[in-house]
């Protein structure tokens, strides 16, 4: 993948990455997920959708046993990432992605949200690493680091 500047490398983050950052079961994946999230926060280039946040909340509280208060606090912080609000246009786009690329609907909806939110990348272990879908590249967070796409761990001063 070509390197881009941090100012243009908007990265849409899928639910499994957010969950991995909280899951101590796999310390290596947890560290990599946290590294990505930290770089995205520092560079202000992370994005999510209402779908991702809802999925995170349900899974974190039901599967991980996270308290609802802690899960809500995390969701409130992620509101700074300008969560994409799913509307009719997004659903129509998702149906097109689903039909053209053979993706399950929920994955197609995630890609549609990413594209419409201005993201150039989707950070997910759920889709094929390196695949291009409607101008969005898929990145497996366990195969690349933020610097590989030009996102610096320590951003340059503004």
N, C-alpha and C. Protein backbone atom coordinates (compact mmCIF):
# COMPACT_ATOMS: atom_id res chain seq x y z
N UNK A 1 0.83 -1.17 0.00
CA UNK A 1 0.00 0.00 0.00
C UNK A 1 0.88 1.24 0.00
N UNK A 2 0.44 2.24 -0.70
CA UNK A 2 1.21 3.47 -0.77
C UNK A 2 1.13 4.23 0.54
N UNK A 3 2.21 4.86 0.88
CA UNK A 3 2.25 5.68 2.08
C UNK A 3 1.55 7.00 1.79
N UNK A 4 0.82 7.49 2.76
CA UNK A 4 0.13 8.76 2.65
C UNK A 4 0.45 9.58 3.89
N UNK A 5 0.16 10.85 3.83
CA UNK A 5 0.41 11.67 5.00
C UNK A 5 -0.69 11.45 6.02
N UNK A 6 -0.35 11.64 7.30
CA UNK A 6 -1.31 11.44 8.36
C UNK A 6 -2.52 12.35 8.19
N UNK A 7 -2.33 13.52 7.60
CA UNK A 7 -3.42 14.46 7.43
C UNK A 7 -4.49 13.92 6.49
N UNK A 8 -4.15 13.01 5.59
CA UNK A 8 -5.13 12.50 4.64
C UNK A 8 -5.50 11.05 4.89
N UNK A 9 -4.83 10.39 5.80
CA UNK A 9 -5.06 8.97 6.03
C UNK A 9 -6.16 8.77 7.08
N UNK A 10 -7.40 8.98 6.69
CA UNK A 10 -8.52 8.75 7.59
C UNK A 10 -8.76 7.25 7.65
N UNK A 11 -8.89 6.72 8.88
CA UNK A 11 -9.02 5.28 9.08
C UNK A 11 -10.31 4.98 9.83
N UNK A 12 -11.16 4.20 9.21
CA UNK A 12 -12.41 3.74 9.82
C UNK A 12 -12.11 2.45 10.58
N UNK A 13 -12.53 2.39 11.84
CA UNK A 13 -12.20 1.26 12.70
C UNK A 13 -13.43 0.38 12.92
N UNK A 14 -13.25 -0.92 12.69
CA UNK A 14 -14.31 -1.91 12.87
C UNK A 14 -14.38 -2.34 14.34
N UNK A 15 -15.52 -2.84 14.73
CA UNK A 15 -15.78 -3.28 16.10
C UNK A 15 -14.73 -4.24 16.66
N UNK A 16 -14.31 -5.29 15.93
CA UNK A 16 -13.34 -6.22 16.51
C UNK A 16 -12.03 -5.57 16.97
N UNK A 17 -11.65 -4.47 16.34
CA UNK A 17 -10.42 -3.77 16.74
C UNK A 17 -10.66 -3.05 18.07
N UNK A 18 -11.81 -2.41 18.20
CA UNK A 18 -12.13 -1.75 19.47
C UNK A 18 -12.20 -2.77 20.60
N UNK A 19 -12.79 -3.91 20.32
CA UNK A 19 -12.91 -4.96 21.34
C UNK A 19 -11.54 -5.56 21.69
N UNK A 20 -10.70 -5.76 20.68
CA UNK A 20 -9.37 -6.34 20.92
C UNK A 20 -8.55 -5.46 21.85
N UNK A 21 -8.74 -4.16 21.75
CA UNK A 21 -7.99 -3.24 22.61
C UNK A 21 -8.35 -3.42 24.09
N UNK A 22 -9.52 -3.97 24.36
CA UNK A 22 -9.97 -4.20 25.73
C UNK A 22 -9.78 -5.64 26.19
N UNK A 23 -9.42 -6.53 25.26
CA UNK A 23 -9.38 -7.97 25.54
C UNK A 23 -7.97 -8.43 25.87
N UNK A 24 -7.73 -8.75 27.13
CA UNK A 24 -6.40 -9.20 27.56
C UNK A 24 -6.15 -10.67 27.24
N UNK A 25 -7.13 -11.37 26.65
CA UNK A 25 -6.97 -12.78 26.33
C UNK A 25 -5.80 -13.00 25.38
N UNK A 26 -5.67 -12.13 24.38
CA UNK A 26 -4.56 -12.20 23.43
C UNK A 26 -3.75 -10.92 23.57
N UNK A 27 -2.70 -10.98 24.36
CA UNK A 27 -1.91 -9.78 24.68
C UNK A 27 -1.27 -9.16 23.44
N UNK A 28 -0.88 -9.99 22.47
CA UNK A 28 -0.24 -9.46 21.26
C UNK A 28 -1.24 -8.66 20.44
N UNK A 29 -2.42 -9.24 20.21
CA UNK A 29 -3.45 -8.52 19.46
C UNK A 29 -3.91 -7.28 20.22
N UNK A 30 -4.02 -7.39 21.54
CA UNK A 30 -4.42 -6.24 22.34
C UNK A 30 -3.42 -5.10 22.16
N UNK A 31 -2.14 -5.41 22.22
CA UNK A 31 -1.10 -4.38 22.07
C UNK A 31 -1.15 -3.74 20.69
N UNK A 32 -1.36 -4.55 19.66
CA UNK A 32 -1.41 -4.00 18.30
C UNK A 32 -2.66 -3.14 18.11
N UNK A 33 -3.79 -3.59 18.63
CA UNK A 33 -5.02 -2.80 18.52
C UNK A 33 -4.85 -1.48 19.26
N UNK A 34 -4.26 -1.53 20.44
CA UNK A 34 -4.04 -0.31 21.22
C UNK A 34 -3.07 0.64 20.51
N UNK A 35 -2.06 0.09 19.87
CA UNK A 35 -1.11 0.92 19.13
C UNK A 35 -1.82 1.67 18.01
N UNK A 36 -2.66 0.97 17.27
CA UNK A 36 -3.43 1.61 16.21
C UNK A 36 -4.34 2.70 16.78
N UNK A 37 -5.09 2.37 17.81
CA UNK A 37 -6.03 3.35 18.36
C UNK A 37 -5.30 4.57 18.90
N UNK A 38 -4.18 4.35 19.57
CA UNK A 38 -3.41 5.47 20.10
C UNK A 38 -2.93 6.38 18.97
N UNK A 39 -2.41 5.80 17.91
CA UNK A 39 -1.94 6.61 16.77
C UNK A 39 -3.10 7.36 16.11
N UNK A 40 -4.25 6.71 16.00
CA UNK A 40 -5.41 7.38 15.40
C UNK A 40 -5.89 8.53 16.27
N UNK A 41 -5.90 8.32 17.59
CA UNK A 41 -6.29 9.40 18.50
C UNK A 41 -5.30 10.56 18.40
N UNK A 42 -4.02 10.26 18.47
CA UNK A 42 -3.00 11.32 18.47
C UNK A 42 -3.04 12.14 17.18
N UNK A 43 -3.34 11.49 16.07
CA UNK A 43 -3.35 12.17 14.78
C UNK A 43 -4.74 12.64 14.37
N UNK A 44 -5.73 12.33 15.17
CA UNK A 44 -7.12 12.73 14.92
C UNK A 44 -7.63 12.26 13.57
N UNK A 45 -7.35 11.00 13.25
CA UNK A 45 -7.74 10.47 11.96
C UNK A 45 -8.61 9.21 12.06
N UNK A 46 -9.14 8.92 13.23
CA UNK A 46 -10.00 7.74 13.40
C UNK A 46 -11.45 8.07 13.12
N UNK A 47 -12.17 7.08 12.59
CA UNK A 47 -13.60 7.23 12.34
C UNK A 47 -14.29 5.92 12.70
N UNK A 48 -15.56 6.03 13.07
CA UNK A 48 -16.42 4.89 13.36
C UNK A 48 -17.82 5.24 12.85
N UNK A 49 -18.74 4.32 13.05
CA UNK A 49 -20.15 4.58 12.70
C UNK A 49 -21.02 4.25 13.91
N UNK A 50 -22.26 4.63 13.81
CA UNK A 50 -23.20 4.28 14.87
C UNK A 50 -23.33 2.76 14.97
N UNK A 51 -23.24 2.07 13.85
CA UNK A 51 -23.30 0.60 13.83
C UNK A 51 -22.15 0.01 14.64
N UNK A 52 -20.94 0.49 14.42
CA UNK A 52 -19.76 0.00 15.13
C UNK A 52 -19.90 0.25 16.63
N UNK A 53 -20.33 1.44 17.00
CA UNK A 53 -20.45 1.77 18.41
C UNK A 53 -21.54 0.94 19.10
N UNK A 54 -22.65 0.72 18.41
CA UNK A 54 -23.70 -0.11 18.99
C UNK A 54 -23.23 -1.55 19.17
N UNK A 55 -22.55 -2.07 18.17
CA UNK A 55 -22.02 -3.43 18.25
C UNK A 55 -21.00 -3.55 19.37
N UNK A 56 -20.12 -2.54 19.50
CA UNK A 56 -19.13 -2.53 20.57
C UNK A 56 -19.83 -2.58 21.93
N UNK A 57 -20.81 -1.73 22.14
CA UNK A 57 -21.51 -1.64 23.42
C UNK A 57 -22.13 -2.98 23.81
N UNK A 58 -22.85 -3.58 22.88
CA UNK A 58 -23.51 -4.85 23.17
C UNK A 58 -22.50 -5.95 23.46
N UNK A 59 -21.48 -6.06 22.64
CA UNK A 59 -20.48 -7.12 22.83
C UNK A 59 -19.66 -6.90 24.10
N UNK A 60 -19.25 -5.68 24.35
CA UNK A 60 -18.43 -5.39 25.53
C UNK A 60 -19.18 -5.68 26.81
N UNK A 61 -20.46 -5.34 26.84
CA UNK A 61 -21.23 -5.56 28.07
C UNK A 61 -21.71 -6.99 28.21
N UNK A 62 -22.09 -7.63 27.12
CA UNK A 62 -22.63 -9.00 27.21
C UNK A 62 -21.55 -10.07 27.21
N UNK A 63 -20.55 -9.92 26.36
CA UNK A 63 -19.53 -10.95 26.22
C UNK A 63 -18.36 -10.74 27.17
N UNK A 64 -17.90 -9.51 27.27
CA UNK A 64 -16.74 -9.21 28.11
C UNK A 64 -17.12 -8.90 29.55
N UNK A 65 -18.39 -8.65 29.79
CA UNK A 65 -18.82 -8.33 31.15
C UNK A 65 -18.42 -6.93 31.59
N UNK A 66 -18.13 -6.05 30.64
CA UNK A 66 -17.80 -4.67 30.98
C UNK A 66 -19.04 -4.00 31.57
N UNK A 67 -18.85 -3.17 32.56
CA UNK A 67 -20.00 -2.48 33.14
C UNK A 67 -20.60 -1.54 32.10
N UNK A 68 -21.90 -1.31 32.20
CA UNK A 68 -22.54 -0.41 31.24
C UNK A 68 -21.96 1.00 31.37
N UNK A 69 -21.60 1.39 32.60
CA UNK A 69 -21.00 2.72 32.78
C UNK A 69 -19.68 2.87 32.06
N UNK A 70 -18.82 1.84 32.15
CA UNK A 70 -17.53 1.90 31.45
C UNK A 70 -17.73 1.89 29.94
N UNK A 71 -18.64 1.05 29.47
CA UNK A 71 -18.90 0.97 28.02
C UNK A 71 -19.47 2.30 27.51
N UNK A 72 -20.36 2.90 28.27
CA UNK A 72 -20.93 4.18 27.86
C UNK A 72 -19.86 5.27 27.84
N UNK A 73 -18.95 5.25 28.81
CA UNK A 73 -17.86 6.23 28.83
C UNK A 73 -16.99 6.11 27.58
N UNK A 74 -16.70 4.88 27.18
CA UNK A 74 -15.89 4.68 25.96
C UNK A 74 -16.63 5.20 24.74
N UNK A 75 -17.93 4.91 24.65
CA UNK A 75 -18.71 5.38 23.51
C UNK A 75 -18.76 6.90 23.48
N UNK A 76 -18.86 7.52 24.64
CA UNK A 76 -18.87 8.99 24.67
C UNK A 76 -17.55 9.55 24.12
N UNK A 77 -16.43 8.92 24.45
CA UNK A 77 -15.14 9.38 23.91
C UNK A 77 -15.11 9.20 22.39
N UNK A 78 -15.64 8.09 21.90
CA UNK A 78 -15.61 7.84 20.46
C UNK A 78 -16.55 8.76 19.69
N UNK A 79 -17.40 9.51 20.37
CA UNK A 79 -18.22 10.50 19.68
C UNK A 79 -17.34 11.57 19.03
N UNK A 80 -16.12 11.75 19.55
CA UNK A 80 -15.19 12.70 18.95
C UNK A 80 -14.72 12.25 17.57
N UNK A 81 -14.93 10.99 17.24
CA UNK A 81 -14.51 10.45 15.94
C UNK A 81 -15.60 10.64 14.87
N UNK A 82 -16.53 11.49 15.13
CA UNK A 82 -17.57 11.82 14.15
C UNK A 82 -18.27 10.57 13.62
N UNK A 83 -18.93 9.80 14.49
CA UNK A 83 -19.58 8.57 14.03
C UNK A 83 -20.53 8.82 12.86
N UNK A 84 -20.36 8.01 11.83
CA UNK A 84 -21.22 8.14 10.66
C UNK A 84 -22.61 7.67 11.02
N UNK A 85 -23.59 8.53 10.74
CA UNK A 85 -24.99 8.20 10.99
C UNK A 85 -25.54 7.47 9.76
N UNK A 86 -26.01 6.28 9.97
CA UNK A 86 -26.49 5.47 8.86
C UNK A 86 -27.84 6.03 8.38
N UNK A 87 -27.88 6.38 7.10
CA UNK A 87 -29.09 6.93 6.50
C UNK A 87 -29.45 6.10 5.26
N UNK A 88 -30.48 6.53 4.56
CA UNK A 88 -30.94 5.78 3.38
C UNK A 88 -29.84 5.68 2.32
N UNK A 89 -29.10 6.76 2.10
CA UNK A 89 -28.03 6.75 1.10
C UNK A 89 -26.96 5.71 1.47
N UNK A 90 -26.64 5.63 2.75
CA UNK A 90 -25.64 4.66 3.20
C UNK A 90 -26.14 3.24 2.97
N UNK A 91 -27.40 2.99 3.27
CA UNK A 91 -27.97 1.65 3.06
C UNK A 91 -27.96 1.30 1.58
N UNK A 92 -28.32 2.24 0.72
CA UNK A 92 -28.30 1.99 -0.73
C UNK A 92 -26.87 1.68 -1.19
N UNK A 93 -25.90 2.43 -0.69
CA UNK A 93 -24.50 2.19 -1.03
C UNK A 93 -24.08 0.80 -0.56
N UNK A 94 -24.49 0.44 0.65
CA UNK A 94 -24.14 -0.88 1.20
C UNK A 94 -24.72 -2.00 0.33
N UNK A 95 -25.94 -1.83 -0.14
CA UNK A 95 -26.53 -2.85 -1.01
C UNK A 95 -25.72 -3.00 -2.29
N UNK A 96 -25.24 -1.88 -2.82
CA UNK A 96 -24.40 -1.95 -4.01
C UNK A 96 -23.08 -2.66 -3.74
N UNK A 97 -22.45 -2.35 -2.62
CA UNK A 97 -21.20 -3.03 -2.24
C UNK A 97 -21.45 -4.52 -2.03
N UNK A 98 -22.54 -4.85 -1.37
CA UNK A 98 -22.90 -6.24 -1.13
C UNK A 98 -23.04 -7.00 -2.46
N UNK A 99 -23.74 -6.40 -3.41
CA UNK A 99 -23.97 -7.05 -4.71
C UNK A 99 -22.69 -7.16 -5.53
N UNK A 100 -21.89 -6.09 -5.59
CA UNK A 100 -20.70 -6.08 -6.44
C UNK A 100 -19.54 -6.88 -5.88
N UNK A 101 -19.39 -6.91 -4.56
CA UNK A 101 -18.22 -7.56 -3.96
C UNK A 101 -18.55 -8.84 -3.21
N UNK A 102 -19.83 -9.20 -3.14
CA UNK A 102 -20.22 -10.45 -2.49
C UNK A 102 -19.97 -10.45 -0.98
N UNK A 103 -20.00 -9.29 -0.37
CA UNK A 103 -19.78 -9.20 1.07
C UNK A 103 -21.09 -9.45 1.84
N UNK A 104 -20.98 -9.98 3.04
CA UNK A 104 -22.17 -10.02 3.90
C UNK A 104 -22.66 -8.58 4.13
N UNK A 105 -23.95 -8.42 4.34
CA UNK A 105 -24.52 -7.08 4.45
C UNK A 105 -23.84 -6.23 5.51
N UNK A 106 -23.59 -6.78 6.71
CA UNK A 106 -23.01 -5.97 7.79
C UNK A 106 -21.62 -5.46 7.40
N UNK A 107 -20.84 -6.26 6.70
CA UNK A 107 -19.52 -5.81 6.23
C UNK A 107 -19.66 -4.75 5.14
N UNK A 108 -20.63 -4.96 4.24
CA UNK A 108 -20.89 -3.98 3.18
C UNK A 108 -21.33 -2.65 3.79
N UNK A 109 -22.13 -2.71 4.83
CA UNK A 109 -22.58 -1.49 5.50
C UNK A 109 -21.40 -0.76 6.14
N UNK A 110 -20.49 -1.52 6.73
CA UNK A 110 -19.30 -0.92 7.34
C UNK A 110 -18.47 -0.21 6.26
N UNK A 111 -18.25 -0.86 5.13
CA UNK A 111 -17.47 -0.26 4.04
C UNK A 111 -18.17 0.99 3.51
N UNK A 112 -19.48 0.93 3.38
CA UNK A 112 -20.24 2.10 2.92
C UNK A 112 -20.09 3.26 3.90
N UNK A 113 -20.18 2.98 5.18
CA UNK A 113 -19.99 4.02 6.20
C UNK A 113 -18.59 4.60 6.12
N UNK A 114 -17.60 3.75 5.94
CA UNK A 114 -16.22 4.21 5.84
C UNK A 114 -16.06 5.15 4.65
N UNK A 115 -16.54 4.71 3.51
CA UNK A 115 -16.39 5.52 2.29
C UNK A 115 -17.11 6.86 2.44
N UNK A 116 -18.31 6.83 2.97
CA UNK A 116 -19.08 8.07 3.08
C UNK A 116 -18.56 8.99 4.18
N UNK A 117 -17.81 8.44 5.13
CA UNK A 117 -17.23 9.28 6.18
C UNK A 117 -15.89 9.88 5.76
N UNK A 118 -15.46 9.55 4.54
CA UNK A 118 -14.21 10.10 4.02
C UNK A 118 -12.96 9.29 4.33
N UNK A 119 -13.15 8.08 4.84
CA UNK A 119 -12.01 7.23 5.18
C UNK A 119 -11.38 6.62 3.92
N UNK A 120 -10.06 6.52 3.93
CA UNK A 120 -9.34 5.85 2.85
C UNK A 120 -9.06 4.39 3.20
N UNK A 121 -9.19 4.07 4.50
CA UNK A 121 -8.86 2.72 4.99
C UNK A 121 -9.92 2.23 5.96
N UNK A 122 -10.11 0.91 5.99
CA UNK A 122 -10.91 0.26 7.02
C UNK A 122 -9.97 -0.67 7.78
N UNK A 123 -9.93 -0.48 9.09
CA UNK A 123 -9.09 -1.30 9.95
C UNK A 123 -9.95 -2.43 10.50
N UNK A 124 -9.73 -3.65 9.97
CA UNK A 124 -10.54 -4.79 10.37
C UNK A 124 -9.81 -6.09 10.11
N UNK A 125 -9.94 -7.06 11.01
CA UNK A 125 -9.40 -8.38 10.73
C UNK A 125 -10.42 -9.26 9.99
N UNK A 126 -11.60 -8.71 9.74
CA UNK A 126 -12.71 -9.51 9.19
C UNK A 126 -12.76 -9.59 7.68
N UNK A 127 -12.04 -8.71 6.99
CA UNK A 127 -12.04 -8.72 5.53
C UNK A 127 -10.62 -8.95 5.03
N UNK A 128 -10.50 -9.23 3.74
CA UNK A 128 -9.21 -9.57 3.14
C UNK A 128 -8.26 -8.37 3.15
N UNK A 129 -7.13 -8.55 3.81
CA UNK A 129 -6.10 -7.51 3.91
C UNK A 129 -5.64 -7.09 2.52
N UNK A 130 -5.59 -5.78 2.29
CA UNK A 130 -5.11 -5.25 1.02
C UNK A 130 -6.18 -5.08 -0.05
N UNK A 131 -7.35 -5.64 0.17
CA UNK A 131 -8.42 -5.54 -0.82
C UNK A 131 -8.89 -4.09 -0.93
N UNK A 132 -9.20 -3.68 -2.16
CA UNK A 132 -9.75 -2.35 -2.43
C UNK A 132 -11.24 -2.50 -2.71
N UNK A 133 -12.05 -1.75 -1.97
CA UNK A 133 -13.50 -1.80 -2.16
C UNK A 133 -14.00 -0.37 -2.24
N UNK A 134 -14.46 0.01 -3.41
CA UNK A 134 -14.99 1.37 -3.64
C UNK A 134 -14.04 2.46 -3.14
N UNK A 135 -12.76 2.32 -3.44
CA UNK A 135 -11.79 3.33 -3.08
C UNK A 135 -11.30 3.28 -1.64
N UNK A 136 -11.72 2.26 -0.91
CA UNK A 136 -11.31 2.09 0.48
C UNK A 136 -10.43 0.85 0.56
N UNK A 137 -9.27 0.96 1.19
CA UNK A 137 -8.39 -0.20 1.32
C UNK A 137 -8.60 -0.86 2.68
N UNK A 138 -8.57 -2.15 2.68
CA UNK A 138 -8.76 -2.93 3.90
C UNK A 138 -7.40 -3.19 4.53
N UNK A 139 -7.30 -2.89 5.82
CA UNK A 139 -6.06 -3.12 6.56
C UNK A 139 -6.35 -4.06 7.72
N UNK A 140 -5.61 -5.15 7.78
CA UNK A 140 -5.67 -6.02 8.95
C UNK A 140 -4.70 -5.42 9.98
N UNK A 141 -5.21 -5.03 11.16
CA UNK A 141 -4.34 -4.35 12.12
C UNK A 141 -3.24 -5.22 12.69
N UNK A 142 -3.31 -6.52 12.43
CA UNK A 142 -2.30 -7.44 12.95
C UNK A 142 -1.24 -7.77 11.90
N UNK A 143 -1.38 -7.14 10.71
CA UNK A 143 -0.41 -7.35 9.64
C UNK A 143 0.35 -6.07 9.27
N UNK A 144 -0.14 -4.94 9.75
CA UNK A 144 0.50 -3.64 9.47
C UNK A 144 0.44 -2.79 10.72
N UNK A 145 1.31 -1.80 10.74
CA UNK A 145 1.31 -0.82 11.82
C UNK A 145 0.93 0.54 11.23
N UNK A 146 0.52 1.49 12.07
CA UNK A 146 0.12 2.80 11.54
C UNK A 146 1.18 3.47 10.66
N UNK A 147 2.44 3.35 11.03
CA UNK A 147 3.50 3.97 10.23
C UNK A 147 3.55 3.43 8.81
N UNK A 148 3.06 2.22 8.59
CA UNK A 148 3.07 1.62 7.26
C UNK A 148 2.19 2.38 6.27
N UNK A 149 1.23 3.16 6.79
CA UNK A 149 0.39 3.97 5.90
C UNK A 149 0.62 5.46 6.16
N UNK A 150 1.72 5.77 6.82
CA UNK A 150 2.09 7.17 7.01
C UNK A 150 1.53 7.84 8.24
N UNK A 151 0.93 7.07 9.14
CA UNK A 151 0.42 7.66 10.38
C UNK A 151 1.52 7.51 11.43
N UNK A 152 2.00 8.63 11.89
CA UNK A 152 3.11 8.65 12.83
C UNK A 152 2.61 8.37 14.24
N UNK A 153 3.43 7.62 15.01
CA UNK A 153 3.10 7.37 16.41
C UNK A 153 3.08 8.68 17.19
N UNK A 154 4.03 9.54 16.88
CA UNK A 154 4.09 10.88 17.48
C UNK A 154 3.85 11.87 16.35
N UNK A 155 2.67 12.50 16.32
CA UNK A 155 2.38 13.40 15.19
C UNK A 155 3.31 14.61 15.18
N UNK A 156 3.46 15.16 14.00
CA UNK A 156 4.24 16.38 13.86
C UNK A 156 3.46 17.53 14.48
N UNK A 157 4.13 18.54 15.04
CA UNK A 157 3.41 19.68 15.62
C UNK A 157 2.59 20.39 14.54
N UNK A 158 1.47 20.93 14.96
CA UNK A 158 0.59 21.62 14.01
C UNK A 158 1.11 22.96 13.63
